[in-house]
Amino acid sequence: MQRSGRRPLRIVLAEDSVLLREGLVGLLGRFGHQVVAAAGDADGLATAVDTHDPDIVVTDVRMPPAFQDEGLRAAVALRARRPGLPVLVLSQYVQRSYATELLDSGDGTGVGYLLKDRVGQIEEFVEAVDRVAAGGTVVDPEVVRQLLRRRRDPLAALTPREREVLGLVAEGHSNSEIARRLVVTEAAVGKHIGNILAKLDLPPAEDTHRRVLAVLAFLRA
């Protein structure tokens, strides 16, 4: 089921639920990727990364023994030891502090934070894996909404459509992808993004990655 143009990835997966772990192994394999190791705890994750040197790590936030933030801590530590290691973190619930800590690790590239519900949207989930592995930044729309709630005043000037576009920009989508999702022209998307950057007093950015970093810097402020 590998799609044309998709690069096969070597993935280290960390998830304590055996059922979900095995399901993710099968799902990623269907799209041409190889899970070279599947760990059930943070220590196993660190060992697997050192052993296999993967293209990307996909890990749960909460893992044994305390089921708090062991997976996230391991991911942040791995990115500190291995600058540029792409990491996609999965979480059952929105934890703004977790999202912020992960997004602040390294230089902000090759990182993603998704809710586990997103896994059920198979194409979007696999696209997120591909995007993060390629150095992109992906943030779950619900995480974006929660972060935005802290910045109500600056966002008051945005129209509902601009808020919608802002959420898609933060997810890492290009202008053409946003246009396709919203069924509008790419020129219209470009105009919306220009308005958003101006209203939020953010510097103009020529590519998707710089736009995402600018938006995330604003959300974390």
C-alpha atoms as a PDB file:
ATOM      1  CA  MET A   1       0.000   0.000   0.000  1.00  0.00           C
ATOM      2  CA  GLN A   2       3.057   2.221  -0.265  1.00  0.00           C
ATOM      3  CA  ARG A   3       2.168   5.361  -2.155  1.00  0.00           C
ATOM      4  CA  SER A   4       4.327   6.655  -4.980  1.00  0.00           C
ATOM      5  CA  GLY A   5       6.915   9.115  -3.701  1.00  0.00           C
ATOM      6  CA  ARG A   6       6.735   7.905  -0.083  1.00  0.00           C
ATOM      7  CA  ARG A   7      10.150   7.111   1.375  1.00  0.00           C
ATOM      8  CA  PRO A   8      10.242   3.863   3.392  1.00  0.00           C
ATOM      9  CA  LEU A   9      11.131   4.716   6.988  1.00  0.00           C
ATOM     10  CA  ARG A  10      12.844   2.761   9.742  1.00  0.00           C
ATOM     11  CA  ILE A  11      10.772   3.457  12.851  1.00  0.00           C
ATOM     12  CA  VAL A  12      11.237   2.824  16.555  1.00  0.00           C
ATOM     13  CA  LEU A  13       7.828   2.622  18.238  1.00  0.00           C
ATOM     14  CA  ALA A  14       7.144   2.941  21.969  1.00  0.00           C
ATOM     15  CA  GLU A  15       3.672   2.124  23.293  1.00  0.00           C
ATOM     16  CA  ASP A  16       2.790   0.185  26.465  1.00  0.00           C
ATOM     17  CA  SER A  17      -0.548  -1.106  25.150  1.00  0.00           C
ATOM     18  CA  VAL A  18       0.223  -4.344  23.323  1.00  0.00           C
ATOM     19  CA  LEU A  19      -2.940  -4.102  21.236  1.00  0.00           C
ATOM     20  CA  LEU A  20      -2.232  -0.565  20.016  1.00  0.00           C
ATOM     21  CA  ARG A  21       1.464  -1.289  19.586  1.00  0.00           C
ATOM     22  CA  GLU A  22       0.844  -4.266  17.346  1.00  0.00           C
ATOM     23  CA  GLY A  23      -1.836  -2.362  15.463  1.00  0.00           C
ATOM     24  CA  LEU A  24       0.590   0.483  14.728  1.00  0.00           C
ATOM     25  CA  VAL A  25       3.260  -1.960  13.590  1.00  0.00           C
ATOM     26  CA  GLY A  26       0.833  -3.470  11.090  1.00  0.00           C
ATOM     27  CA  LEU A  27      -0.532  -0.094   9.981  1.00  0.00           C
ATOM     28  CA  LEU A  28       2.881   1.437   9.324  1.00  0.00           C
ATOM     29  CA  GLY A  29       3.979  -1.728   7.520  1.00  0.00           C
ATOM     30  CA  ARG A  30       1.004  -1.451   5.168  1.00  0.00           C
ATOM     31  CA  PHE A  31       2.342   1.917   4.037  1.00  0.00           C
ATOM     32  CA  GLY A  32       5.821   0.598   3.309  1.00  0.00           C
ATOM     33  CA  HIS A  33       7.501   1.533   6.582  1.00  0.00           C
ATOM     34  CA  GLN A  34       9.445  -0.827   8.844  1.00  0.00           C
ATOM     35  CA  VAL A  35       9.107  -0.815  12.632  1.00  0.00           C
ATOM     36  CA  VAL A  36      12.619  -1.973  13.533  1.00  0.00           C
ATOM     37  CA  ALA A  37      11.810  -2.112  17.258  1.00  0.00           C
ATOM     38  CA  ALA A  38       8.643  -1.841  19.354  1.00  0.00           C
ATOM     39  CA  ALA A  39       9.225  -0.997  23.013  1.00  0.00           C
ATOM     40  CA  GLY A  40       6.828  -1.094  25.929  1.00  0.00           C
ATOM     41  CA  ASP A  41       8.582   1.393  28.222  1.00  0.00           C
ATOM     42  CA  ALA A  42      10.906   4.388  28.158  1.00  0.00           C
ATOM     43  CA  ASP A  43      14.063   2.406  28.913  1.00  0.00           C
ATOM     44  CA  GLY A  44      13.286   0.066  26.047  1.00  0.00           C
ATOM     45  CA  LEU A  45      12.747   3.070  23.795  1.00  0.00           C
ATOM     46  CA  ALA A  46      16.160   4.557  24.576  1.00  0.00           C
ATOM     47  CA  THR A  47      17.879   1.203  24.056  1.00  0.00           C
ATOM     48  CA  ALA A  48      16.078   0.617  20.762  1.00  0.00           C
ATOM     49  CA  VAL A  49      17.086   4.034  19.401  1.00  0.00           C
ATOM     50  CA  ASP A  50      20.729   3.472  20.329  1.00  0.00           C
ATOM     51  CA  THR A  51      20.655   0.031  18.721  1.00  0.00           C
ATOM     52  CA  HIS A  52      18.782   0.773  15.493  1.00  0.00           C
ATOM     53  CA  ASP A  53      19.438   4.484  14.748  1.00  0.00           C
ATOM     54  CA  PRO A  54      15.925   4.938  13.255  1.00  0.00           C
ATOM     55  CA  ASP A  55      14.630   7.566  10.835  1.00  0.00           C
ATOM     56  CA  ILE A  56      11.925   8.537  13.339  1.00  0.00           C
ATOM     57  CA  VAL A  57      10.623   7.714  16.812  1.00  0.00           C
ATOM     58  CA  VAL A  58       6.889   7.362  17.467  1.00  0.00           C
ATOM     59  CA  THR A  59       6.122   7.234  21.186  1.00  0.00           C
ATOM     60  CA  ASP A  60       3.305   7.501  23.693  1.00  0.00           C
ATOM     61  CA  VAL A  61       3.585  10.209  26.373  1.00  0.00           C
ATOM     62  CA  ARG A  62       2.593   8.064  29.360  1.00  0.00           C
ATOM     63  CA  MET A  63       4.477   4.819  29.883  1.00  0.00           C
ATOM     64  CA  PRO A  64       5.481   2.473  32.736  1.00  0.00           C
ATOM     65  CA  PRO A  65       6.241   2.530  35.558  1.00  0.00           C
ATOM     66  CA  ALA A  66       4.355   5.654  36.695  1.00  0.00           C
ATOM     67  CA  PHE A  67       2.304   6.277  33.542  1.00  0.00           C
ATOM     68  CA  GLN A  68       2.935  10.016  33.717  1.00  0.00           C
ATOM     69  CA  ASP A  69       5.309  11.537  31.160  1.00  0.00           C
ATOM     70  CA  GLU A  70       8.013   8.874  30.816  1.00  0.00           C
ATOM     71  CA  GLY A  71       7.664   8.608  27.052  1.00  0.00           C
ATOM     72  CA  LEU A  72       7.846  12.369  26.593  1.00  0.00           C
ATOM     73  CA  ARG A  73      10.880  12.667  28.871  1.00  0.00           C
ATOM     74  CA  ALA A  74      12.624   9.927  26.935  1.00  0.00           C
ATOM     75  CA  ALA A  75      11.812  11.666  23.638  1.00  0.00           C
ATOM     76  CA  VAL A  76      13.169  15.025  24.827  1.00  0.00           C
ATOM     77  CA  ALA A  77      16.316  13.341  26.190  1.00  0.00           C
ATOM     78  CA  LEU A  78      16.855  11.495  22.920  1.00  0.00           C
ATOM     79  CA  ARG A  79      16.565  14.728  20.937  1.00  0.00           C
ATOM     80  CA  ALA A  80      19.108  16.334  23.277  1.00  0.00           C
ATOM     81  CA  ARG A  81      21.544  13.461  22.703  1.00  0.00           C
ATOM     82  CA  ARG A  82      20.748  13.102  19.021  1.00  0.00           C
ATOM     83  CA  PRO A  83      20.046  16.550  17.544  1.00  0.00           C
ATOM     84  CA  GLY A  84      17.752  16.293  14.570  1.00  0.00           C
ATOM     85  CA  LEU A  85      16.188  12.962  15.586  1.00  0.00           C
ATOM     86  CA  PRO A  86      12.566  13.202  14.373  1.00  0.00           C
ATOM     87  CA  VAL A  87      10.042  12.407  17.113  1.00  0.00           C
ATOM     88  CA  LEU A  88       6.268  12.069  16.877  1.00  0.00           C
ATOM     89  CA  VAL A  89       4.566  11.902  20.276  1.00  0.00           C
ATOM     90  CA  LEU A  90       1.086  10.454  20.771  1.00  0.00           C
ATOM     91  CA  SER A  91      -1.073  11.478  23.723  1.00  0.00           C
ATOM     92  CA  GLN A  92      -4.464  10.377  25.015  1.00  0.00           C
ATOM     93  CA  TYR A  93      -5.308  13.890  26.174  1.00  0.00           C
ATOM     94  CA  VAL A  94      -4.139  17.425  25.436  1.00  0.00           C
ATOM     95  CA  GLN A  95      -1.357  18.360  27.848  1.00  0.00           C
ATOM     96  CA  ARG A  96      -0.230  21.874  26.983  1.00  0.00           C
ATOM     97  CA  SER A  97       2.928  21.633  29.088  1.00  0.00           C
ATOM     98  CA  TYR A  98       3.890  18.397  27.331  1.00  0.00           C
ATOM     99  CA  ALA A  99       3.301  19.895  23.910  1.00  0.00           C
ATOM    100  CA  THR A 100       5.322  22.990  24.723  1.00  0.00           C
ATOM    101  CA  GLU A 101       8.246  21.023  26.150  1.00  0.00           C
ATOM    102  CA  LEU A 102       8.410  18.773  23.117  1.00  0.00           C
ATOM    103  CA  LEU A 103       8.139  21.635  20.633  1.00  0.00           C
ATOM    104  CA  ASP A 104      10.914  23.474  22.477  1.00  0.00           C
ATOM    105  CA  SER A 105      13.297  20.510  22.183  1.00  0.00           C
ATOM    106  CA  GLY A 106      16.097  20.824  19.660  1.00  0.00           C
ATOM    107  CA  ASP A 107      15.556  23.502  17.028  1.00  0.00           C
ATOM    108  CA  GLY A 108      11.842  22.802  16.617  1.00  0.00           C
ATOM    109  CA  THR A 109      12.244  20.765  13.435  1.00  0.00           C
ATOM    110  CA  GLY A 110      11.279  17.125  12.971  1.00  0.00           C
ATOM    111  CA  VAL A 111       8.769  17.066  15.798  1.00  0.00           C
ATOM    112  CA  GLY A 112       5.087  16.283  16.163  1.00  0.00           C
ATOM    113  CA  TYR A 113       2.415  16.070  18.863  1.00  0.00           C
ATOM    114  CA  LEU A 114      -0.806  14.229  18.018  1.00  0.00           C
ATOM    115  CA  LEU A 115      -3.741  12.921  19.993  1.00  0.00           C
ATOM    116  CA  LYS A 116      -4.215   9.172  19.752  1.00  0.00           C
ATOM    117  CA  ASP A 117      -7.622   9.705  18.156  1.00  0.00           C
ATOM    118  CA  ARG A 118      -5.713  10.944  15.108  1.00  0.00           C
ATOM    119  CA  VAL A 119      -4.362   7.427  14.551  1.00  0.00           C
ATOM    120  CA  GLY A 120      -7.857   6.415  13.471  1.00  0.00           C
ATOM    121  CA  GLN A 121      -7.602   8.837  10.568  1.00  0.00           C
ATOM    122  CA  ILE A 122      -5.106   6.581   8.872  1.00  0.00           C
ATOM    123  CA  GLU A 123      -4.017   8.692   5.907  1.00  0.00           C
ATOM    124  CA  GLU A 124      -3.564  11.807   8.065  1.00  0.00           C
ATOM    125  CA  PHE A 125      -1.601   9.879  10.673  1.00  0.00           C
ATOM    126  CA  VAL A 126       0.779   8.331   8.153  1.00  0.00           C
ATOM    127  CA  GLU A 127       1.209  11.686   6.434  1.00  0.00           C
ATOM    128  CA  ALA A 128       2.153  13.158   9.815  1.00  0.00           C
ATOM    129  CA  VAL A 129       4.784  10.443  10.278  1.00  0.00           C
ATOM    130  CA  ASP A 130       6.201  11.212   6.827  1.00  0.00           C
ATOM    131  CA  ARG A 131       6.159  14.954   7.452  1.00  0.00           C
ATOM    132  CA  VAL A 132       7.946  14.765  10.813  1.00  0.00           C
ATOM    133  CA  ALA A 133      10.533  12.310   9.454  1.00  0.00           C
ATOM    134  CA  ALA A 134      11.278  14.824   6.689  1.00  0.00           C
ATOM    135  CA  GLY A 135      11.995  17.543   9.268  1.00  0.00           C
ATOM    136  CA  GLY A 136       8.551  19.104   9.405  1.00  0.00           C
ATOM    137  CA  THR A 137       6.515  20.157  12.417  1.00  0.00           C
ATOM    138  CA  VAL A 138       3.039  18.719  13.039  1.00  0.00           C
ATOM    139  CA  VAL A 139       0.682  19.702  15.850  1.00  0.00           C
ATOM    140  CA  ASP A 140      -2.753  18.215  16.477  1.00  0.00           C
ATOM    141  CA  PRO A 141      -5.590  20.684  15.768  1.00  0.00           C
ATOM    142  CA  GLU A 142      -6.980  20.233  19.286  1.00  0.00           C
ATOM    143  CA  VAL A 143      -3.588  21.080  20.784  1.00  0.00           C
ATOM    144  CA  VAL A 144      -3.533  24.223  18.649  1.00  0.00           C
ATOM    145  CA  ARG A 145      -7.018  25.189  19.884  1.00  0.00           C
ATOM    146  CA  GLN A 146      -5.978  24.730  23.514  1.00  0.00           C
ATOM    147  CA  LEU A 147      -2.852  26.820  23.034  1.00  0.00           C
ATOM    148  CA  LEU A 148      -4.873  29.507  21.293  1.00  0.00           C
ATOM    149  CA  ARG A 149      -7.146  29.883  24.313  1.00  0.00           C
ATOM    150  CA  ARG A 150      -4.277  31.519  26.180  1.00  0.00           C
ATOM    151  CA  ARG A 151      -3.960  34.164  23.466  1.00  0.00           C
ATOM    152  CA  ARG A 152      -7.525  35.373  23.051  1.00  0.00           C
ATOM    153  CA  ASP A 153      -6.849  39.081  22.657  1.00  0.00           C
ATOM    154  CA  PRO A 154      -4.347  38.874  19.756  1.00  0.00           C
ATOM    155  CA  LEU A 155      -6.625  36.396  17.987  1.00  0.00           C
ATOM    156  CA  ALA A 156      -9.745  38.513  18.358  1.00  0.00           C
ATOM    157  CA  ALA A 157      -8.904  40.262  15.090  1.00  0.00           C
ATOM    158  CA  LEU A 158      -8.906  36.996  13.116  1.00  0.00           C
ATOM    159  CA  THR A 159     -11.961  35.979  11.146  1.00  0.00           C
ATOM    160  CA  PRO A 160     -13.370  32.441  11.595  1.00  0.00           C
ATOM    161  CA  ARG A 161     -11.828  31.464   8.242  1.00  0.00           C
ATOM    162  CA  GLU A 162      -8.445  32.867   9.279  1.00  0.00           C
ATOM    163  CA  ARG A 163      -8.603  30.865  12.507  1.00  0.00           C
ATOM    164  CA  GLU A 164      -9.325  27.763  10.460  1.00  0.00           C
ATOM    165  CA  VAL A 165      -6.381  28.476   8.166  1.00  0.00           C
ATOM    166  CA  LEU A 166      -4.148  29.173  11.176  1.00  0.00           C
ATOM    167  CA  GLY A 167      -4.939  25.736  12.593  1.00  0.00           C
ATOM    168  CA  LEU A 168      -4.007  24.064   9.308  1.00  0.00           C
ATOM    169  CA  VAL A 169      -0.778  26.078   9.068  1.00  0.00           C
ATOM    170  CA  ALA A 170       0.198  24.927  12.566  1.00  0.00           C
ATOM    171  CA  GLU A 171      -0.416  21.337  11.464  1.00  0.00           C
ATOM    172  CA  GLY A 172       2.268  21.863   8.825  1.00  0.00           C
ATOM    173  CA  HIS A 173       0.130  21.914   5.683  1.00  0.00           C
ATOM    174  CA  SER A 174       1.253  23.715   2.542  1.00  0.00           C
ATOM    175  CA  ASN A 175      -0.867  26.339   0.782  1.00  0.00           C
ATOM    176  CA  SER A 176      -1.993  23.825  -1.846  1.00  0.00           C
ATOM    177  CA  GLU A 177      -3.007  21.284   0.820  1.00  0.00           C
ATOM    178  CA  ILE A 178      -4.961  23.924   2.744  1.00  0.00           C
ATOM    179  CA  ALA A 179      -6.677  25.070  -0.463  1.00  0.00           C
ATOM    180  CA  ARG A 180      -7.708  21.488  -1.222  1.00  0.00           C
ATOM    181  CA  ARG A 181      -9.077  20.904   2.287  1.00  0.00           C
ATOM    182  CA  LEU A 182     -11.060  24.163   2.361  1.00  0.00           C
ATOM    183  CA  VAL A 183     -12.088  24.001  -1.305  1.00  0.00           C
ATOM    184  CA  VAL A 184     -10.728  27.442  -2.105  1.00  0.00           C
ATOM    185  CA  THR A 185      -8.031  28.737  -4.427  1.00  0.00           C
ATOM    186  CA  GLU A 186      -4.378  28.689  -3.443  1.00  0.00           C
ATOM    187  CA  ALA A 187      -4.297  32.461  -3.959  1.00  0.00           C
ATOM    188  CA  ALA A 188      -7.085  32.848  -1.389  1.00  0.00           C
ATOM    189  CA  VAL A 189      -5.096  30.780   1.104  1.00  0.00           C
ATOM    190  CA  GLY A 190      -2.022  32.921   0.511  1.00  0.00           C
ATOM    191  CA  LYS A 191      -4.061  36.042   1.193  1.00  0.00           C
ATOM    192  CA  HIS A 192      -5.469  34.581   4.418  1.00  0.00           C
ATOM    193  CA  ILE A 193      -1.996  33.628   5.627  1.00  0.00           C
ATOM    194  CA  GLY A 194      -0.655  37.069   4.826  1.00  0.00           C
ATOM    195  CA  ASN A 195      -3.480  38.611   6.840  1.00  0.00           C
ATOM    196  CA  ILE A 196      -2.883  36.223   9.751  1.00  0.00           C
ATOM    197  CA  LEU A 197       0.844  36.933   9.930  1.00  0.00           C
ATOM    198  CA  ALA A 198       0.165  40.661   9.779  1.00  0.00           C
ATOM    199  CA  LYS A 199      -2.552  40.601  12.455  1.00  0.00           C
ATOM    200  CA  LEU A 200      -0.398  38.495  14.785  1.00  0.00           C
ATOM    201  CA  ASP A 201       2.613  40.715  14.101  1.00  0.00           C
ATOM    202  CA  LEU A 202       4.665  37.764  12.824  1.00  0.00           C
ATOM    203  CA  PRO A 203       7.399  38.097  10.200  1.00  0.00           C
ATOM    204  CA  PRO A 204       6.516  36.968   6.660  1.00  0.00           C
ATOM    205  CA  ALA A 205       7.700  33.455   5.812  1.00  0.00           C
ATOM    206  CA  GLU A 206       8.271  31.990   2.385  1.00  0.00           C
ATOM    207  CA  ASP A 207       7.880  28.291   3.116  1.00  0.00           C
ATOM    208  CA  THR A 208       5.587  26.091   5.184  1.00  0.00           C
ATOM    209  CA  HIS A 209       8.200  25.174   7.774  1.00  0.00           C
ATOM    210  CA  ARG A 210       9.097  28.767   8.658  1.00  0.00           C
ATOM    211  CA  ARG A 211       5.403  29.639   8.851  1.00  0.00           C
ATOM    212  CA  VAL A 212       4.794  26.784  11.284  1.00  0.00           C
ATOM    213  CA  LEU A 213       7.722  27.790  13.469  1.00  0.00           C
ATOM    214  CA  ALA A 214       6.512  31.405  13.516  1.00  0.00           C
ATOM    215  CA  VAL A 215       3.009  30.354  14.541  1.00  0.00           C
ATOM    216  CA  LEU A 216       4.291  27.974  17.218  1.00  0.00           C
ATOM    217  CA  ALA A 217       6.599  30.648  18.613  1.00  0.00           C
ATOM    218  CA  PHE A 218       3.547  32.865  18.982  1.00  0.00           C
ATOM    219  CA  LEU A 219       1.462  30.139  20.597  1.00  0.00           C
ATOM    220  CA  ARG A 220       4.187  29.344  23.128  1.00  0.00           C
ATOM    221  CA  ALA A 221       4.764  32.967  24.108  1.00  0.00           C
END
